[in-house]
Amino acid sequence: MEKLKRPVYLKPDTDDFFKKIRKEVNETVLQNSSLYLLNVIKSLGLVISFFLFYACILCFGNSTPLLFLFYILCGVTMIVLFINAFHDAAHGALFKKQKHNQWFMYVLELFGSNHWLWTRRHINLHHAYPNIPDWDVDIRQSDIIRIFPNSPLFNYHKYQHIYMWLIYPLYSLNWIYIRDFKDFFGKKDNYVKKIVDKIPVTEVYLLFAAKLVNLFYLLFLPMFLLDQPWYMVLLAWIAMHMCGSALGVVALVSTHVDEDAQFPVADDEGNLSATWALHQMIVTKDFSTNSKLANFLYGGFTHHVAHHLFPGVGHTYYPYITPIIKRYAKEYNLPYTSYPFYHAVRSHFRMLKNKGIKENIMMAGEI
């Protein structure tokens, strides 16, 4: 893949708003140790809940309604666990000691993913260069969907705002059983290899081991133990992934890619026109920040601006950091957006519709 210059952010001046925000957050919000404990209890509770629901599949799965119910609960808990606990641990924000975060990330392998790979995708590409074409791999997934203005436009993209409703529920299946292998072994448009010179051999073995273990205990073992047709267990397993993915995609589409999204491009020398902190404010949005249910389910995604400015801080602190960010945004006339989740999702699909057709004079507003 063609080597590209890494984007370089503008250096902050002496009156940098983020220095003031960081100082206030450190002196006030981060002094509350109870929020750290809450995060740990929540994360461990989600792990226990997932395996309790899995045990219920094996104990009560001979009843078809209960089979589907507990598989779907596993799917929802799996996504909530990932969005909250694994996301924080990947940033070193769940436990105080980094080695404990690293140990906890190995639990992710039980869900079929590869924590080594995902951590590098998410932190070294998405967080380092959010919404920047050719760098933000979390947004640039495949040619099936067109989001970046510089991405190829194909005829079928005119329907992407329709067919993505059917594809998004397959997100976790694609991630675990297709995308991981493409990132490890693919050569075309392999964004991960921009930042990784060589993949450790142990991670290759772990990649295959995680997939096999995940399929064994979540799919094959229930097929073997339950008095259910194999295809019924398979359908329940698919329902698990589809329901979990549908819940999780709300977080993914609501924070960076709506119809007003910005996709800053570096100049020929690789320079960007904003500082790192200002860039995060420009390309990141919050949703449903006042909803306790949304905050519980989506963790650091509802208060996503706070997450991008303070990625090393646990998500339970974000509801107390966001008001500080909003105050400085108003004082410094900075961009800050927070939508109800339904508005954010609707805006995302409007964006898909707009990005799926060619621009014309009437749309561009200029000749």
Protein backbone atom coordinates (compact mmCIF):
# COMPACT_ATOMS: atom_id res chain seq x y z
CA MET A 1 0.00 0.00 0.00
CA GLU A 2 1.26 3.49 -0.85
CA LYS A 3 3.05 5.20 2.00
CA LEU A 4 1.37 8.45 3.05
CA LYS A 5 2.70 11.27 5.18
CA ARG A 6 1.35 11.19 8.70
CA PRO A 7 -0.85 14.22 9.36
CA VAL A 8 0.65 16.82 11.71
CA TYR A 9 -1.53 18.98 13.94
CA LEU A 10 -1.06 22.69 14.46
CA LYS A 11 0.80 23.55 17.65
CA PRO A 12 -1.38 25.18 20.34
CA ASP A 13 -0.74 28.80 21.32
CA THR A 14 -0.32 30.15 24.84
CA ASP A 15 -4.08 30.67 25.29
CA ASP A 16 -4.99 27.09 24.45
CA PHE A 17 -8.46 26.18 25.68
CA PHE A 18 -7.54 22.55 26.25
CA LYS A 19 -4.82 23.38 28.77
CA LYS A 20 -7.46 25.13 30.87
CA ILE A 21 -9.98 22.31 30.49
CA ARG A 22 -7.39 19.70 31.41
CA LYS A 23 -6.29 21.66 34.47
CA GLU A 24 -9.85 22.05 35.74
CA VAL A 25 -10.73 18.41 35.08
CA ASN A 26 -7.61 17.18 36.87
CA GLU A 27 -8.25 19.39 39.89
CA THR A 28 -11.95 18.64 40.25
CA VAL A 29 -13.54 15.69 38.44
CA LEU A 30 -10.66 13.23 38.57
CA GLN A 31 -10.39 13.56 42.33
CA ASN A 32 -13.58 11.50 42.72
CA SER A 33 -12.29 7.96 43.27
CA SER A 34 -15.82 6.55 43.62
CA LEU A 35 -16.31 6.97 39.87
CA TYR A 36 -13.28 4.73 39.27
CA LEU A 37 -14.74 2.06 41.53
CA LEU A 38 -18.11 2.33 39.79
CA ASN A 39 -16.45 1.66 36.45
CA VAL A 40 -14.66 -1.45 37.72
CA ILE A 41 -17.81 -2.85 39.35
CA LYS A 42 -19.86 -2.18 36.20
CA SER A 43 -17.28 -3.81 33.93
CA LEU A 44 -16.84 -6.94 36.02
CA GLY A 45 -20.62 -7.14 36.46
CA LEU A 46 -21.08 -7.11 32.68
CA VAL A 47 -18.59 -9.98 32.27
CA ILE A 48 -20.44 -12.01 34.89
CA SER A 49 -23.81 -11.17 33.30
CA PHE A 50 -22.67 -12.39 29.89
CA PHE A 51 -21.59 -15.77 31.18
CA LEU A 52 -24.72 -16.09 33.31
CA PHE A 53 -26.82 -15.56 30.19
CA TYR A 54 -24.64 -18.09 28.39
CA ALA A 55 -25.21 -20.59 31.20
CA CYS A 56 -28.95 -19.97 30.79
CA ILE A 57 -28.63 -20.96 27.12
CA LEU A 58 -27.25 -24.34 28.16
CA CYS A 59 -29.73 -24.78 31.03
CA PHE A 60 -32.95 -23.54 29.45
CA GLY A 61 -32.19 -23.60 25.72
CA ASN A 62 -34.39 -26.62 25.02
CA SER A 63 -37.22 -24.11 25.02
CA THR A 64 -36.99 -22.28 21.69
CA PRO A 65 -38.28 -18.90 23.01
CA LEU A 66 -35.78 -19.05 25.90
CA LEU A 67 -33.02 -20.13 23.52
CA PHE A 68 -33.51 -16.97 21.45
CA LEU A 69 -34.06 -14.79 24.52
CA PHE A 70 -30.79 -15.73 26.21
CA TYR A 71 -28.79 -15.63 22.97
CA ILE A 72 -30.10 -12.11 22.32
CA LEU A 73 -29.30 -11.09 25.91
CA CYS A 74 -25.78 -12.44 25.33
CA GLY A 75 -25.53 -10.32 22.19
CA VAL A 76 -26.68 -7.15 23.91
CA THR A 77 -24.39 -7.76 26.90
CA MET A 78 -21.47 -8.55 24.59
CA ILE A 79 -21.79 -5.20 22.81
CA VAL A 80 -22.38 -3.23 26.02
CA LEU A 81 -19.34 -4.95 27.53
CA PHE A 82 -17.23 -4.03 24.54
CA ILE A 83 -18.41 -0.41 24.36
CA ASN A 84 -17.86 0.11 28.08
CA ALA A 85 -15.28 -2.20 29.62
CA PHE A 86 -13.05 -3.27 26.72
CA HIS A 87 -13.09 0.20 25.24
CA ASP A 88 -11.89 1.72 28.52
CA ALA A 89 -9.32 -1.03 29.08
CA ALA A 90 -7.87 -0.54 25.59
CA HIS A 91 -7.20 3.08 26.54
CA GLY A 92 -5.70 2.06 29.88
CA ALA A 93 -8.65 3.72 31.61
CA LEU A 94 -10.41 0.84 33.37
CA PHE A 95 -7.84 -0.15 36.00
CA LYS A 96 -5.20 2.05 37.58
CA LYS A 97 -2.36 -0.34 36.69
CA GLN A 98 -1.66 -0.76 33.00
CA LYS A 99 -0.86 -4.46 33.37
CA HIS A 100 -4.36 -5.05 34.75
CA ASN A 101 -5.88 -3.35 31.70
CA GLN A 102 -3.74 -5.55 29.46
CA TRP A 103 -4.79 -8.70 31.30
CA PHE A 104 -8.44 -7.74 31.08
CA MET A 105 -8.14 -7.20 27.31
CA TYR A 106 -7.36 -10.89 26.90
CA VAL A 107 -10.99 -11.55 27.85
CA LEU A 108 -11.85 -9.97 24.50
CA GLU A 109 -10.39 -13.06 22.82
CA LEU A 110 -13.28 -15.09 24.28
CA PHE A 111 -15.59 -12.98 22.15
CA GLY A 112 -13.66 -13.91 19.01
CA SER A 113 -11.78 -10.66 18.47
CA ASN A 114 -8.06 -9.94 18.68
CA HIS A 115 -7.28 -7.31 21.29
CA TRP A 116 -3.76 -6.64 19.95
CA LEU A 117 -5.11 -5.76 16.53
CA TRP A 118 -8.15 -3.82 17.65
CA THR A 119 -6.17 -1.69 20.10
CA ARG A 120 -3.84 -0.59 17.31
CA ARG A 121 -6.67 0.08 14.87
CA HIS A 122 -8.64 2.10 17.35
CA ILE A 123 -5.95 4.08 19.16
CA ASN A 124 -3.22 4.50 16.56
CA LEU A 125 -5.54 5.24 13.64
CA HIS A 126 -8.99 6.35 14.77
CA HIS A 127 -8.04 8.29 17.89
CA ALA A 128 -4.86 9.69 16.40
CA TYR A 129 -6.56 10.84 13.18
CA PRO A 130 -10.36 10.88 13.58
CA ASN A 131 -12.30 11.59 10.37
CA ILE A 132 -9.10 12.13 8.38
CA PRO A 133 -9.33 10.41 4.98
CA ASP A 134 -6.83 7.58 4.41
CA TRP A 135 -6.13 7.32 8.15
CA ASP A 136 -9.29 6.78 10.18
CA VAL A 137 -9.82 3.07 9.65
CA ASP A 138 -12.86 2.94 11.96
CA ILE A 139 -14.75 5.03 9.41
CA ARG A 140 -13.14 3.69 6.24
CA GLN A 141 -14.40 0.09 6.42
CA SER A 142 -14.97 -1.04 2.82
CA ASP A 143 -16.22 0.07 -0.59
CA ILE A 144 -19.72 -1.15 0.33
CA ILE A 145 -20.29 2.17 2.07
CA ARG A 146 -19.09 5.62 1.01
CA ILE A 147 -18.51 8.19 3.75
CA PHE A 148 -15.30 10.07 2.98
CA PRO A 149 -15.65 12.66 0.19
CA ASN A 150 -12.51 11.33 -1.53
CA SER A 151 -13.71 7.70 -1.58
CA PRO A 152 -14.67 6.10 -4.91
CA LEU A 153 -18.30 6.61 -5.90
CA PHE A 154 -20.03 3.55 -7.36
CA ASN A 155 -23.50 3.30 -8.83
CA TYR A 156 -24.80 1.16 -5.99
CA HIS A 157 -23.93 3.87 -3.45
CA LYS A 158 -27.11 5.70 -4.44
CA TYR A 159 -28.92 3.01 -2.45
CA GLN A 160 -26.56 2.85 0.54
CA HIS A 161 -28.96 4.73 2.81
CA ILE A 162 -31.36 1.81 2.22
CA TYR A 163 -29.20 -1.31 2.15
CA MET A 164 -27.03 -0.29 5.12
CA TRP A 165 -30.06 -0.89 7.34
CA LEU A 166 -29.62 -4.56 6.40
CA ILE A 167 -25.81 -4.61 6.59
CA TYR A 168 -25.24 -2.82 9.89
CA PRO A 169 -26.81 -5.67 11.93
CA LEU A 170 -24.06 -7.92 10.54
CA TYR A 171 -21.34 -5.66 11.92
CA SER A 172 -19.98 -7.98 14.62
CA LEU A 173 -20.02 -11.01 12.31
CA ASN A 174 -18.02 -9.06 9.74
CA TRP A 175 -15.61 -7.79 12.39
CA ILE A 176 -14.87 -11.16 13.95
CA TYR A 177 -14.91 -13.48 10.94
CA ILE A 178 -13.91 -11.25 8.00
CA ARG A 179 -12.33 -7.93 8.98
CA ASP A 180 -9.78 -9.36 11.42
CA PHE A 181 -8.44 -11.72 8.76
CA LYS A 182 -8.27 -8.90 6.19
CA ASP A 183 -6.29 -6.77 8.65
CA PHE A 184 -3.88 -9.61 9.39
CA PHE A 185 -3.37 -10.97 5.88
CA GLY A 186 -4.91 -8.55 3.36
CA LYS A 187 -2.73 -6.49 1.05
CA LYS A 188 -5.26 -4.16 -0.60
CA ASP A 189 -6.03 -0.99 1.38
CA ASN A 190 -4.56 -2.47 4.54
CA TYR A 191 -4.60 0.55 6.80
CA VAL A 192 -3.27 -1.35 9.81
CA LYS A 193 0.04 -2.00 8.08
CA LYS A 194 0.62 1.75 7.97
CA ILE A 195 1.42 1.61 11.67
CA VAL A 196 2.54 -2.01 12.16
CA ASP A 197 5.74 -3.17 10.45
CA LYS A 198 5.40 -6.79 11.50
CA ILE A 199 2.62 -8.72 13.19
CA PRO A 200 3.93 -10.97 16.01
CA VAL A 201 3.59 -14.67 15.19
CA THR A 202 1.94 -15.30 18.58
CA GLU A 203 -0.88 -12.94 17.58
CA VAL A 204 -1.50 -14.92 14.40
CA TYR A 205 -1.93 -18.11 16.43
CA LEU A 206 -4.08 -16.27 18.94
CA LEU A 207 -6.25 -14.94 16.12
CA PHE A 208 -7.21 -18.44 14.99
CA ALA A 209 -7.46 -19.79 18.54
CA ALA A 210 -9.88 -17.03 19.57
CA LYS A 211 -12.17 -17.70 16.60
CA LEU A 212 -12.22 -21.44 17.26
CA VAL A 213 -12.85 -21.09 20.99
CA ASN A 214 -15.59 -18.54 20.39
CA LEU A 215 -17.36 -20.74 17.83
CA PHE A 216 -16.96 -23.81 20.02
CA TYR A 217 -18.58 -22.56 23.20
CA LEU A 218 -21.13 -20.16 21.70
CA LEU A 219 -22.30 -22.24 18.73
CA PHE A 220 -21.08 -25.83 18.56
CA LEU A 221 -21.41 -26.73 22.25
CA PRO A 222 -25.08 -25.65 22.45
CA MET A 223 -25.72 -27.57 19.21
CA PHE A 224 -24.26 -30.66 20.85
CA LEU A 225 -25.87 -30.34 24.30
CA LEU A 226 -29.32 -28.97 23.55
CA ASP A 227 -32.29 -30.87 22.26
CA GLN A 228 -32.69 -28.41 19.40
CA PRO A 229 -32.17 -28.74 15.64
CA TRP A 230 -28.74 -27.43 14.67
CA TYR A 231 -30.27 -24.78 12.45
CA MET A 232 -32.36 -23.40 15.34
CA VAL A 233 -29.22 -22.87 17.41
CA LEU A 234 -27.55 -21.30 14.38
CA LEU A 235 -30.47 -18.89 13.91
CA ALA A 236 -30.37 -17.94 17.60
CA TRP A 237 -26.60 -17.36 17.34
CA ILE A 238 -27.13 -15.12 14.30
CA ALA A 239 -29.89 -13.26 16.18
CA MET A 240 -27.39 -12.68 18.98
CA HIS A 241 -24.97 -10.97 16.61
CA MET A 242 -27.64 -9.01 14.76
CA CYS A 243 -29.30 -7.61 17.88
CA GLY A 244 -25.96 -6.78 19.47
CA SER A 245 -24.70 -5.13 16.29
CA ALA A 246 -27.88 -3.09 15.84
CA LEU A 247 -27.42 -1.73 19.36
CA GLY A 248 -23.72 -1.06 18.89
CA VAL A 249 -23.94 0.62 15.50
CA VAL A 250 -25.94 3.46 17.07
CA ALA A 251 -22.79 4.44 18.96
CA LEU A 252 -20.59 4.13 15.89
CA VAL A 253 -22.73 6.23 13.53
CA SER A 254 -23.82 8.89 16.03
CA THR A 255 -20.46 10.31 17.03
CA HIS A 256 -18.49 11.10 13.85
CA VAL A 257 -20.51 10.61 10.67
CA ASP A 258 -23.65 12.70 10.38
CA GLU A 259 -24.72 15.04 7.59
CA ASP A 260 -22.68 17.91 9.10
CA ALA A 261 -19.55 15.83 9.63
CA GLN A 262 -16.19 17.37 8.81
CA PHE A 263 -13.40 15.38 7.13
CA PRO A 264 -10.26 17.56 7.37
CA VAL A 265 -7.54 16.94 4.82
CA ALA A 266 -3.84 17.65 5.34
CA ASP A 267 -1.93 19.78 2.84
CA ASP A 268 0.80 18.42 0.58
CA GLU A 269 3.27 18.58 3.47
CA GLY A 270 0.95 16.65 5.77
CA ASN A 271 -0.03 19.66 7.90
CA LEU A 272 -3.51 20.09 9.33
CA SER A 273 -5.11 23.45 10.03
CA ALA A 274 -6.17 22.78 13.64
CA THR A 275 -4.58 21.75 16.90
CA TRP A 276 -5.13 18.21 18.15
CA ALA A 277 -7.74 19.29 20.71
CA LEU A 278 -9.62 21.58 18.33
CA HIS A 279 -9.66 18.82 15.73
CA GLN A 280 -11.36 16.49 18.24
CA MET A 281 -14.02 19.15 18.88
CA ILE A 282 -14.62 19.65 15.17
CA VAL A 283 -15.06 16.00 14.18
CA THR A 284 -16.69 14.52 17.31
CA LYS A 285 -20.26 14.77 18.57
CA ASP A 286 -22.18 13.71 21.66
CA PHE A 287 -25.62 12.11 21.77
CA SER A 288 -28.25 11.62 24.48
CA THR A 289 -25.96 12.91 27.21
CA ASN A 290 -28.85 13.41 29.63
CA SER A 291 -30.18 9.86 29.30
CA LYS A 292 -29.11 7.57 32.16
CA LEU A 293 -30.02 4.51 30.08
CA ALA A 294 -27.94 5.69 27.11
CA ASN A 295 -25.02 6.53 29.40
CA PHE A 296 -25.16 3.06 30.95
CA LEU A 297 -25.38 1.24 27.61
CA TYR A 298 -22.98 3.34 25.57
CA GLY A 299 -20.42 4.48 28.13
CA GLY A 300 -17.86 6.75 26.53
CA PHE A 301 -19.84 7.15 23.33
CA THR A 302 -22.67 9.36 24.58
CA HIS A 303 -20.09 11.83 25.97
CA HIS A 304 -17.79 11.21 23.03
CA VAL A 305 -16.17 14.65 22.93
CA ALA A 306 -14.98 14.10 26.49
CA HIS A 307 -13.69 10.68 25.48
CA HIS A 308 -11.66 12.04 22.57
CA LEU A 309 -10.19 14.81 24.71
CA PHE A 310 -9.58 12.49 27.68
CA PRO A 311 -9.19 8.98 26.24
CA GLY A 312 -7.17 7.82 29.23
CA VAL A 313 -10.03 8.55 31.63
CA GLY A 314 -12.78 6.05 32.43
CA HIS A 315 -16.22 6.70 30.93
CA THR A 316 -17.92 7.06 34.33
CA TYR A 317 -16.16 10.44 34.68
CA TYR A 318 -17.43 11.84 31.38
CA PRO A 319 -20.88 13.12 32.52
CA TYR A 320 -18.95 15.41 34.90
CA ILE A 321 -16.36 16.46 32.31
CA THR A 322 -18.85 17.35 29.56
CA PRO A 323 -20.30 20.44 31.34
CA ILE A 324 -16.76 21.82 31.64
CA ILE A 325 -16.16 21.25 27.92
CA LYS A 326 -19.47 22.94 27.04
CA ARG A 327 -18.59 25.97 29.16
CA TYR A 328 -15.21 26.44 27.47
CA ALA A 329 -16.74 25.77 24.05
CA LYS A 330 -19.09 28.68 24.62
CA GLU A 331 -16.33 30.92 25.99
CA TYR A 332 -13.94 30.21 23.10
CA ASN A 333 -16.65 29.91 20.41
CA LEU A 334 -15.72 26.29 19.73
CA PRO A 335 -17.85 23.70 17.93
CA TYR A 336 -19.80 21.41 20.25
CA THR A 337 -22.79 19.30 19.21
CA SER A 338 -25.06 16.99 21.17
CA TYR A 339 -28.08 15.28 19.59
CA PRO A 340 -30.79 12.93 20.80
CA PHE A 341 -29.77 9.49 19.50
CA TYR A 342 -32.70 9.28 17.05
CA HIS A 343 -31.66 12.61 15.50
CA ALA A 344 -28.06 11.40 15.22
CA VAL A 345 -29.08 8.14 13.53
CA ARG A 346 -31.44 9.92 11.14
CA SER A 347 -28.71 12.43 10.29
CA HIS A 348 -26.29 9.58 9.58
CA PHE A 349 -28.58 8.01 7.01
CA ARG A 350 -29.21 11.40 5.42
CA MET A 351 -25.44 11.69 5.11
CA LEU A 352 -25.32 8.27 3.43
CA LYS A 353 -27.94 9.41 0.94
CA ASN A 354 -26.01 12.60 0.17
CA LYS A 355 -22.67 10.79 -0.17
CA GLY A 356 -24.21 8.18 -2.48
CA ILE A 357 -24.89 10.56 -5.35
CA LYS A 358 -22.75 12.86 -7.44
CA GLU A 359 -22.57 16.48 -6.47
CA ASN A 360 -24.15 18.97 -8.84
CA ILE A 361 -24.25 22.75 -9.02
CA MET A 362 -27.49 22.99 -7.06
CA MET A 363 -26.12 20.79 -4.26
CA ALA A 364 -22.73 22.48 -4.08
CA GLY A 365 -24.23 25.97 -4.13
CA GLU A 366 -21.53 27.32 -6.39
CA ILE A 367 -20.35 27.23 -9.99
